[in-house]
Amino acid sequence: MDNFLERITLTDEEGNDVEFEVITKLDIEENEYFIVVPAGSEDLDAVALKVVEDEAGNEVLVSVDDEDEFNMVAEAYETLSEEGLLD
């Protein structure tokens, strides 16, 4: 798949840099989410990340841990994907 929007590098909990390919960005209920997959991976299991502000006011990406919120994002992604409306 070469239709990714961009690549981003995130730091995991152990301090390792991990590169992801952004599938799409979603705006849902005044929040912004990134749907990403590990770069170069044959496994295309998507991960949902939410844009939040840290204590310094910088935008950072965090995993969506709340089950209801994750289900809402997954449903929106699936709907847009089925309708062919993704970037």
PDB file of N, CA and C in Angstrom:
ATOM      1  N   MET A   1       0.843  -1.187   0.000  1.00  0.00           N
ATOM      2  CA  MET A   1       0.000   0.000   0.000  1.00  0.00           C
ATOM      3  C   MET A   1       0.881   1.241   0.000  1.00  0.00           C
ATOM      4  N   ASP A   2       0.764   2.045  -1.009  1.00  0.00           N
ATOM      5  CA  ASP A   2       1.570   3.249  -1.095  1.00  0.00           C
ATOM      6  C   ASP A   2       0.738   4.511  -0.944  1.00  0.00           C
ATOM      7  N   ASN A   3      -0.494   4.395  -0.465  1.00  0.00           N
ATOM      8  CA  ASN A   3      -1.370   5.555  -0.397  1.00  0.00           C
ATOM      9  C   ASN A   3      -1.474   6.144   1.006  1.00  0.00           C
ATOM     10  N   PHE A   4      -0.445   5.962   1.823  1.00  0.00           N
ATOM     11  CA  PHE A   4      -0.450   6.529   3.157  1.00  0.00           C
ATOM     12  C   PHE A   4      -0.218   8.031   3.083  1.00  0.00           C
ATOM     13  N   LEU A   5      -0.780   8.761   4.040  1.00  0.00           N
ATOM     14  CA  LEU A   5      -0.639  10.210   4.064  1.00  0.00           C
ATOM     15  C   LEU A   5       0.789  10.632   4.380  1.00  0.00           C
ATOM     16  N   GLU A   6       1.377   9.983   5.360  1.00  0.00           N
ATOM     17  CA  GLU A   6       2.714  10.362   5.809  1.00  0.00           C
ATOM     18  C   GLU A   6       3.239   9.300   6.755  1.00  0.00           C
ATOM     19  N   ARG A   7       4.489   9.456   7.136  1.00  0.00           N
ATOM     20  CA  ARG A   7       5.092   8.592   8.155  1.00  0.00           C
ATOM     21  C   ARG A   7       5.377   9.438   9.384  1.00  0.00           C
ATOM     22  N   ILE A   8       5.171   8.833  10.538  1.00  0.00           N
ATOM     23  CA  ILE A   8       5.490   9.503  11.793  1.00  0.00           C
ATOM     24  C   ILE A   8       6.323   8.558  12.646  1.00  0.00           C
ATOM     25  N   THR A   9       7.153   9.129  13.498  1.00  0.00           N
ATOM     26  CA  THR A   9       7.956   8.338  14.419  1.00  0.00           C
ATOM     27  C   THR A   9       7.490   8.635  15.833  1.00  0.00           C
ATOM     28  N   LEU A  10       7.166   7.570  16.561  1.00  0.00           N
ATOM     29  CA  LEU A  10       6.718   7.694  17.942  1.00  0.00           C
ATOM     30  C   LEU A  10       7.694   6.958  18.842  1.00  0.00           C
ATOM     31  N   THR A  11       7.743   7.361  20.093  1.00  0.00           N
ATOM     32  CA  THR A  11       8.595   6.705  21.074  1.00  0.00           C
ATOM     33  C   THR A  11       7.727   5.821  21.953  1.00  0.00           C
ATOM     34  N   ASP A  12       8.085   4.530  22.042  1.00  0.00           N
ATOM     35  CA  ASP A  12       7.289   3.614  22.856  1.00  0.00           C
ATOM     36  C   ASP A  12       7.660   3.745  24.331  1.00  0.00           C
ATOM     37  N   GLU A  13       7.019   2.929  25.166  1.00  0.00           N
ATOM     38  CA  GLU A  13       7.212   3.017  26.616  1.00  0.00           C
ATOM     39  C   GLU A  13       8.633   2.691  27.051  1.00  0.00           C
ATOM     40  N   GLU A  14       9.378   1.945  26.226  1.00  0.00           N
ATOM     41  CA  GLU A  14      10.765   1.607  26.550  1.00  0.00           C
ATOM     42  C   GLU A  14      11.761   2.605  25.983  1.00  0.00           C
ATOM     43  N   GLY A  15      11.266   3.660  25.327  1.00  0.00           N
ATOM     44  CA  GLY A  15      12.144   4.675  24.761  1.00  0.00           C
ATOM     45  C   GLY A  15      12.622   4.386  23.352  1.00  0.00           C
ATOM     46  N   ASN A  16      12.072   3.353  22.720  1.00  0.00           N
ATOM     47  CA  ASN A  16      12.449   2.997  21.350  1.00  0.00           C
ATOM     48  C   ASN A  16      11.623   3.796  20.351  1.00  0.00           C
ATOM     49  N   ASP A  17      12.272   4.275  19.288  1.00  0.00           N
ATOM     50  CA  ASP A  17      11.556   4.956  18.213  1.00  0.00           C
ATOM     51  C   ASP A  17      10.916   3.915  17.302  1.00  0.00           C
ATOM     52  N   VAL A  18       9.628   4.121  17.011  1.00  0.00           N
ATOM     53  CA  VAL A  18       8.878   3.211  16.146  1.00  0.00           C
ATOM     54  C   VAL A  18       8.223   4.053  15.059  1.00  0.00           C
ATOM     55  N   GLU A  19       8.418   3.656  13.798  1.00  0.00           N
ATOM     56  CA  GLU A  19       7.862   4.409  12.675  1.00  0.00           C
ATOM     57  C   GLU A  19       6.509   3.819  12.275  1.00  0.00           C
ATOM     58  N   PHE A  20       5.550   4.719  12.032  1.00  0.00           N
ATOM     59  CA  PHE A  20       4.207   4.328  11.612  1.00  0.00           C
ATOM     60  C   PHE A  20       3.845   5.056  10.333  1.00  0.00           C
ATOM     61  N   GLU A  21       2.973   4.432   9.549  1.00  0.00           N
ATOM     62  CA  GLU A  21       2.406   5.063   8.364  1.00  0.00           C
ATOM     63  C   GLU A  21       0.983   5.486   8.707  1.00  0.00           C
ATOM     64  N   VAL A  22       0.668   6.736   8.434  1.00  0.00           N
ATOM     65  CA  VAL A  22      -0.655   7.271   8.740  1.00  0.00           C
ATOM     66  C   VAL A  22      -1.612   6.881   7.615  1.00  0.00           C
ATOM     67  N   ILE A  23      -2.677   6.175   7.969  1.00  0.00           N
ATOM     68  CA  ILE A  23      -3.702   5.803   6.994  1.00  0.00           C
ATOM     69  C   ILE A  23      -4.627   6.989   6.755  1.00  0.00           C
ATOM     70  N   THR A  24      -5.094   7.586   7.850  1.00  0.00           N
ATOM     71  CA  THR A  24      -5.987   8.736   7.734  1.00  0.00           C
ATOM     72  C   THR A  24      -6.039   9.482   9.055  1.00  0.00           C
ATOM     73  N   LYS A  25      -6.597  10.670   9.001  1.00  0.00           N
ATOM     74  CA  LYS A  25      -6.875  11.471  10.191  1.00  0.00           C
ATOM     75  C   LYS A  25      -8.382  11.649  10.257  1.00  0.00           C
ATOM     76  N   LEU A  26      -8.938  11.543  11.449  1.00  0.00           N
ATOM     77  CA  LEU A  26     -10.380  11.680  11.638  1.00  0.00           C
ATOM     78  C   LEU A  26     -10.660  12.759  12.668  1.00  0.00           C
ATOM     79  N   ASP A  27     -11.669  13.580  12.417  1.00  0.00           N
ATOM     80  CA  ASP A  27     -12.163  14.539  13.402  1.00  0.00           C
ATOM     81  C   ASP A  27     -13.511  14.028  13.884  1.00  0.00           C
ATOM     82  N   ILE A  28     -13.572  13.680  15.173  1.00  0.00           N
ATOM     83  CA  ILE A  28     -14.791  13.119  15.750  1.00  0.00           C
ATOM     84  C   ILE A  28     -15.064  13.825  17.073  1.00  0.00           C
ATOM     85  N   GLU A  29     -16.258  14.395  17.192  1.00  0.00           N
ATOM     86  CA  GLU A  29     -16.687  15.049  18.432  1.00  0.00           C
ATOM     87  C   GLU A  29     -15.608  15.980  18.994  1.00  0.00           C
ATOM     88  N   GLU A  30     -15.114  16.874  18.164  1.00  0.00           N
ATOM     89  CA  GLU A  30     -14.129  17.890  18.542  1.00  0.00           C
ATOM     90  C   GLU A  30     -12.770  17.323  18.943  1.00  0.00           C
ATOM     91  N   ASN A  31     -12.497  16.070  18.597  1.00  0.00           N
ATOM     92  CA  ASN A  31     -11.199  15.452  18.836  1.00  0.00           C
ATOM     93  C   ASN A  31     -10.615  15.010  17.504  1.00  0.00           C
ATOM     94  N   GLU A  32      -9.279  14.998  17.436  1.00  0.00           N
ATOM     95  CA  GLU A  32      -8.594  14.547  16.227  1.00  0.00           C
ATOM     96  C   GLU A  32      -7.906  13.216  16.518  1.00  0.00           C
ATOM     97  N   TYR A  33      -8.057  12.280  15.591  1.00  0.00           N
ATOM     98  CA  TYR A  33      -7.478  10.950  15.732  1.00  0.00           C
ATOM     99  C   TYR A  33      -6.656  10.618  14.495  1.00  0.00           C
ATOM    100  N   PHE A  34      -5.587   9.860  14.690  1.00  0.00           N
ATOM    101  CA  PHE A  34      -4.789   9.323  13.598  1.00  0.00           C
ATOM    102  C   PHE A  34      -5.011   7.814  13.591  1.00  0.00           C
ATOM    103  N   ILE A  35      -5.221   7.251  12.409  1.00  0.00           N
ATOM    104  CA  ILE A  35      -5.259   5.801  12.253  1.00  0.00           C
ATOM    105  C   ILE A  35      -3.946   5.431  11.578  1.00  0.00           C
ATOM    106  N   VAL A  36      -3.145   4.587  12.253  1.00  0.00           N
ATOM    107  CA  VAL A  36      -1.795   4.276  11.783  1.00  0.00           C
ATOM    108  C   VAL A  36      -1.557   2.770  11.767  1.00  0.00           C
ATOM    109  N   VAL A  37      -0.554   2.368  10.981  1.00  0.00           N
ATOM    110  CA  VAL A  37      -0.064   0.988  10.973  1.00  0.00           C
ATOM    111  C   VAL A  37       1.456   1.045  11.075  1.00  0.00           C
ATOM    112  N   PRO A  38       2.075   0.015  11.654  1.00  0.00           N
ATOM    113  CA  PRO A  38       3.537  -0.001  11.721  1.00  0.00           C
ATOM    114  C   PRO A  38       4.140   0.065  10.318  1.00  0.00           C
ATOM    115  N   ALA A  39       5.141   0.906  10.131  1.00  0.00           N
ATOM    116  CA  ALA A  39       5.779   1.084   8.820  1.00  0.00           C
ATOM    117  C   ALA A  39       6.456  -0.205   8.380  1.00  0.00           C
ATOM    118  N   GLY A  40       6.248  -0.554   7.119  1.00  0.00           N
ATOM    119  CA  GLY A  40       6.916  -1.702   6.540  1.00  0.00           C
ATOM    120  C   GLY A  40       6.397  -3.045   7.006  1.00  0.00           C
ATOM    121  N   SER A  41       5.352  -3.052   7.795  1.00  0.00           N
ATOM    122  CA  SER A  41       4.820  -4.298   8.321  1.00  0.00           C
ATOM    123  C   SER A  41       3.818  -4.900   7.345  1.00  0.00           C
ATOM    124  N   GLU A  42       3.864  -6.208   7.212  1.00  0.00           N
ATOM    125  CA  GLU A  42       2.862  -6.906   6.399  1.00  0.00           C
ATOM    126  C   GLU A  42       1.536  -6.961   7.155  1.00  0.00           C
ATOM    127  N   ASP A  43       1.604  -6.872   8.475  1.00  0.00           N
ATOM    128  CA  ASP A  43       0.418  -6.889   9.326  1.00  0.00           C
ATOM    129  C   ASP A  43      -0.195  -5.497   9.311  1.00  0.00           C
ATOM    130  N   LEU A  44      -1.384  -5.359   8.769  1.00  0.00           N
ATOM    131  CA  LEU A  44      -2.007  -4.047   8.642  1.00  0.00           C
ATOM    132  C   LEU A  44      -3.053  -3.793   9.718  1.00  0.00           C
ATOM    133  N   ASP A  45      -2.840  -4.348  10.932  1.00  0.00           N
ATOM    134  CA  ASP A  45      -3.737  -4.046  12.041  1.00  0.00           C
ATOM    135  C   ASP A  45      -3.558  -2.585  12.421  1.00  0.00           C
ATOM    136  N   ALA A  46      -4.599  -1.814  12.225  1.00  0.00           N
ATOM    137  CA  ALA A  46      -4.533  -0.375  12.465  1.00  0.00           C
ATOM    138  C   ALA A  46      -4.596  -0.068  13.955  1.00  0.00           C
ATOM    139  N   VAL A  47      -3.964   1.038  14.319  1.00  0.00           N
ATOM    140  CA  VAL A  47      -3.949   1.542  15.690  1.00  0.00           C
ATOM    141  C   VAL A  47      -4.562   2.936  15.672  1.00  0.00           C
ATOM    142  N   ALA A  48      -5.424   3.220  16.650  1.00  0.00           N
ATOM    143  CA  ALA A  48      -6.028   4.549  16.768  1.00  0.00           C
ATOM    144  C   ALA A  48      -5.256   5.356  17.805  1.00  0.00           C
ATOM    145  N   LEU A  49      -4.850   6.569  17.429  1.00  0.00           N
ATOM    146  CA  LEU A  49      -4.149   7.479  18.328  1.00  0.00           C
ATOM    147  C   LEU A  49      -4.915   8.791  18.393  1.00  0.00           C
ATOM    148  N   LYS A  50      -4.982   9.366  19.574  1.00  0.00           N
ATOM    149  CA  LYS A  50      -5.717  10.615  19.796  1.00  0.00           C
ATOM    150  C   LYS A  50      -4.731  11.758  19.991  1.00  0.00           C
ATOM    151  N   VAL A  51      -5.041  12.911  19.412  1.00  0.00           N
ATOM    152  CA  VAL A  51      -4.225  14.111  19.595  1.00  0.00           C
ATOM    153  C   VAL A  51      -4.697  14.806  20.870  1.00  0.00           C
ATOM    154  N   VAL A  52      -3.775  15.000  21.820  1.00  0.00           N
ATOM    155  CA  VAL A  52      -4.068  15.714  23.065  1.00  0.00           C
ATOM    156  C   VAL A  52      -2.952  16.718  23.321  1.00  0.00           C
ATOM    157  N   GLU A  53      -3.200  17.651  24.215  1.00  0.00           N
ATOM    158  CA  GLU A  53      -2.164  18.610  24.616  1.00  0.00           C
ATOM    159  C   GLU A  53      -1.506  18.132  25.897  1.00  0.00           C
ATOM    160  N   ASP A  54      -0.162  18.203  25.931  1.00  0.00           N
ATOM    161  CA  ASP A  54       0.547  17.871  27.159  1.00  0.00           C
ATOM    162  C   ASP A  54       0.588  19.091  28.073  1.00  0.00           C
ATOM    163  N   GLU A  55       1.264  18.964  29.200  1.00  0.00           N
ATOM    164  CA  GLU A  55       1.320  20.045  30.191  1.00  0.00           C
ATOM    165  C   GLU A  55       1.922  21.326  29.631  1.00  0.00           C
ATOM    166  N   ALA A  56       2.798  21.194  28.639  1.00  0.00           N
ATOM    167  CA  ALA A  56       3.468  22.354  28.043  1.00  0.00           C
ATOM    168  C   ALA A  56       2.673  22.956  26.884  1.00  0.00           C
ATOM    169  N   GLY A  57       1.509  22.367  26.578  1.00  0.00           N
ATOM    170  CA  GLY A  57       0.691  22.881  25.487  1.00  0.00           C
ATOM    171  C   GLY A  57       1.052  22.330  24.123  1.00  0.00           C
ATOM    172  N   ASN A  58       1.937  21.333  24.087  1.00  0.00           N
ATOM    173  CA  ASN A  58       2.323  20.698  22.819  1.00  0.00           C
ATOM    174  C   ASN A  58       1.330  19.596  22.464  1.00  0.00           C
ATOM    175  N   GLU A  59       1.049  19.458  21.173  1.00  0.00           N
ATOM    176  CA  GLU A  59       0.190  18.365  20.736  1.00  0.00           C
ATOM    177  C   GLU A  59       0.993  17.070  20.726  1.00  0.00           C
ATOM    178  N   VAL A  60       0.429  16.031  21.347  1.00  0.00           N
ATOM    179  CA  VAL A  60       1.054  14.714  21.382  1.00  0.00           C
ATOM    180  C   VAL A  60       0.007  13.667  21.017  1.00  0.00           C
ATOM    181  N   LEU A  61       0.477  12.508  20.573  1.00  0.00           N
ATOM    182  CA  LEU A  61      -0.408  11.399  20.240  1.00  0.00           C
ATOM    183  C   LEU A  61      -0.386  10.385  21.366  1.00  0.00           C
ATOM    184  N   VAL A  62      -1.577   9.943  21.779  1.00  0.00           N
ATOM    185  CA  VAL A  62      -1.696   8.929  22.823  1.00  0.00           C
ATOM    186  C   VAL A  62      -2.622   7.824  22.324  1.00  0.00           C
ATOM    187  N   SER A  63      -2.412   6.626  22.835  1.00  0.00           N
ATOM    188  CA  SER A  63      -3.283   5.523  22.434  1.00  0.00           C
ATOM    189  C   SER A  63      -4.677   5.739  23.017  1.00  0.00           C
ATOM    190  N   VAL A  64      -5.666   5.227  22.311  1.00  0.00           N
ATOM    191  CA  VAL A  64      -7.050   5.331  22.764  1.00  0.00           C
ATOM    192  C   VAL A  64      -7.317   4.107  23.632  1.00  0.00           C
ATOM    193  N   ASP A  65      -7.320   4.308  24.957  1.00  0.00           N
ATOM    194  CA  ASP A  65      -7.468   3.202  25.891  1.00  0.00           C
ATOM    195  C   ASP A  65      -8.908   2.974  26.337  1.00  0.00           C
ATOM    196  N   ASP A  66      -9.740   4.012  26.255  1.00  0.00           N
ATOM    197  CA  ASP A  66     -11.136   3.882  26.651  1.00  0.00           C
ATOM    198  C   ASP A  66     -11.878   3.044  25.603  1.00  0.00           C
ATOM    199  N   GLU A  67     -12.511   1.961  26.033  1.00  0.00           N
ATOM    200  CA  GLU A  67     -13.152   1.035  25.098  1.00  0.00           C
ATOM    201  C   GLU A  67     -14.269   1.692  24.293  1.00  0.00           C
ATOM    202  N   ASP A  68     -15.097   2.509  24.942  1.00  0.00           N
ATOM    203  CA  ASP A  68     -16.189   3.178  24.231  1.00  0.00           C
ATOM    204  C   ASP A  68     -15.650   4.154  23.185  1.00  0.00           C
ATOM    205  N   GLU A  69     -14.621   4.910  23.562  1.00  0.00           N
ATOM    206  CA  GLU A  69     -14.020   5.857  22.625  1.00  0.00           C
ATOM    207  C   GLU A  69     -13.369   5.112  21.459  1.00  0.00           C
ATOM    208  N   PHE A  70     -12.653   4.027  21.763  1.00  0.00           N
ATOM    209  CA  PHE A  70     -12.024   3.238  20.709  1.00  0.00           C
ATOM    210  C   PHE A  70     -13.069   2.692  19.741  1.00  0.00           C
ATOM    211  N   ASN A  71     -14.170   2.156  20.278  1.00  0.00           N
ATOM    212  CA  ASN A  71     -15.231   1.614  19.428  1.00  0.00           C
ATOM    213  C   ASN A  71     -15.838   2.691  18.542  1.00  0.00           C
ATOM    214  N   MET A  72     -15.988   3.910  19.068  1.00  0.00           N
ATOM    215  CA  MET A  72     -16.524   5.025  18.292  1.00  0.00           C
ATOM    216  C   MET A  72     -15.590   5.356  17.122  1.00  0.00           C
ATOM    217  N   VAL A  73     -14.293   5.416  17.393  1.00  0.00           N
ATOM    218  CA  VAL A  73     -13.312   5.726  16.349  1.00  0.00           C
ATOM    219  C   VAL A  73     -13.262   4.592  15.322  1.00  0.00           C
ATOM    220  N   ALA A  74     -13.256   3.353  15.789  1.00  0.00           N
ATOM    221  CA  ALA A  74     -13.214   2.204  14.881  1.00  0.00           C
ATOM    222  C   ALA A  74     -14.443   2.175  13.981  1.00  0.00           C
ATOM    223  N   GLU A  75     -15.602   2.464  14.546  1.00  0.00           N
ATOM    224  CA  GLU A  75     -16.834   2.479  13.754  1.00  0.00           C
ATOM    225  C   GLU A  75     -16.791   3.579  12.693  1.00  0.00           C
ATOM    226  N   ALA A  76     -16.315   4.760  13.068  1.00  0.00           N
ATOM    227  CA  ALA A  76     -16.210   5.864  12.106  1.00  0.00           C
ATOM    228  C   ALA A  76     -15.236   5.501  10.989  1.00  0.00           C
ATOM    229  N   TYR A  77     -14.108   4.911  11.344  1.00  0.00           N
ATOM    230  CA  TYR A  77     -13.114   4.504  10.348  1.00  0.00           C
ATOM    231  C   TYR A  77     -13.693   3.462   9.394  1.00  0.00           C
ATOM    232  N   GLU A  78     -14.358   2.453   9.947  1.00  0.00           N
ATOM    233  CA  GLU A  78     -14.940   1.399   9.114  1.00  0.00           C
ATOM    234  C   GLU A  78     -16.002   1.955   8.177  1.00  0.00           C
ATOM    235  N   THR A  79     -16.842   2.851   8.681  1.00  0.00           N
ATOM    236  CA  THR A  79     -17.891   3.451   7.852  1.00  0.00           C
ATOM    237  C   THR A  79     -17.283   4.230   6.694  1.00  0.00           C
ATOM    238  N   LEU A  80     -16.298   5.069   6.989  1.00  0.00           N
ATOM    239  CA  LEU A  80     -15.648   5.852   5.934  1.00  0.00           C
ATOM    240  C   LEU A  80     -14.926   4.954   4.935  1.00  0.00           C
ATOM    241  N   SER A  81     -14.313   3.898   5.434  1.00  0.00           N
ATOM    242  CA  SER A  81     -13.600   2.966   4.565  1.00  0.00           C
ATOM    243  C   SER A  81     -14.570   2.258   3.626  1.00  0.00           C
ATOM    244  N   GLU A  82     -15.688   1.784   4.166  1.00  0.00           N
ATOM    245  CA  GLU A  82     -16.690   1.087   3.358  1.00  0.00           C
ATOM    246  C   GLU A  82     -17.295   2.000   2.299  1.00  0.00           C
ATOM    247  N   GLU A  83     -17.427   3.278   2.619  1.00  0.00           N
ATOM    248  CA  GLU A  83     -18.025   4.232   1.688  1.00  0.00           C
ATOM    249  C   GLU A  83     -16.992   4.840   0.735  1.00  0.00           C
ATOM    250  N   GLY A  84     -15.732   4.417   0.873  1.00  0.00           N
ATOM    251  CA  GLY A  84     -14.680   4.919  -0.010  1.00  0.00           C
ATOM    252  C   GLY A  84     -14.341   6.376   0.218  1.00  0.00           C
ATOM    253  N   LEU A  85     -14.534   6.867   1.440  1.00  0.00           N
ATOM    254  CA  LEU A  85     -14.322   8.285   1.731  1.00  0.00           C
ATOM    255  C   LEU A  85     -13.004   8.585   2.428  1.00  0.00           C
ATOM    256  N   LEU A  86     -12.143   7.597   2.559  1.00  0.00           N
ATOM    257  CA  LEU A  86     -10.853   7.844   3.207  1.00  0.00           C
ATOM    258  C   LEU A  86      -9.895   8.474   2.228  1.00  0.00           C
ATOM    259  N   ASP A  87      -8.918   9.243   2.793  1.00  0.00           N
ATOM    260  CA  ASP A  87      -7.890   9.898   1.971  1.00  0.00           C
ATOM    261  C   ASP A  87      -7.147   8.893   1.135  1.00  0.00           C
TER     262      ASP A  87
END
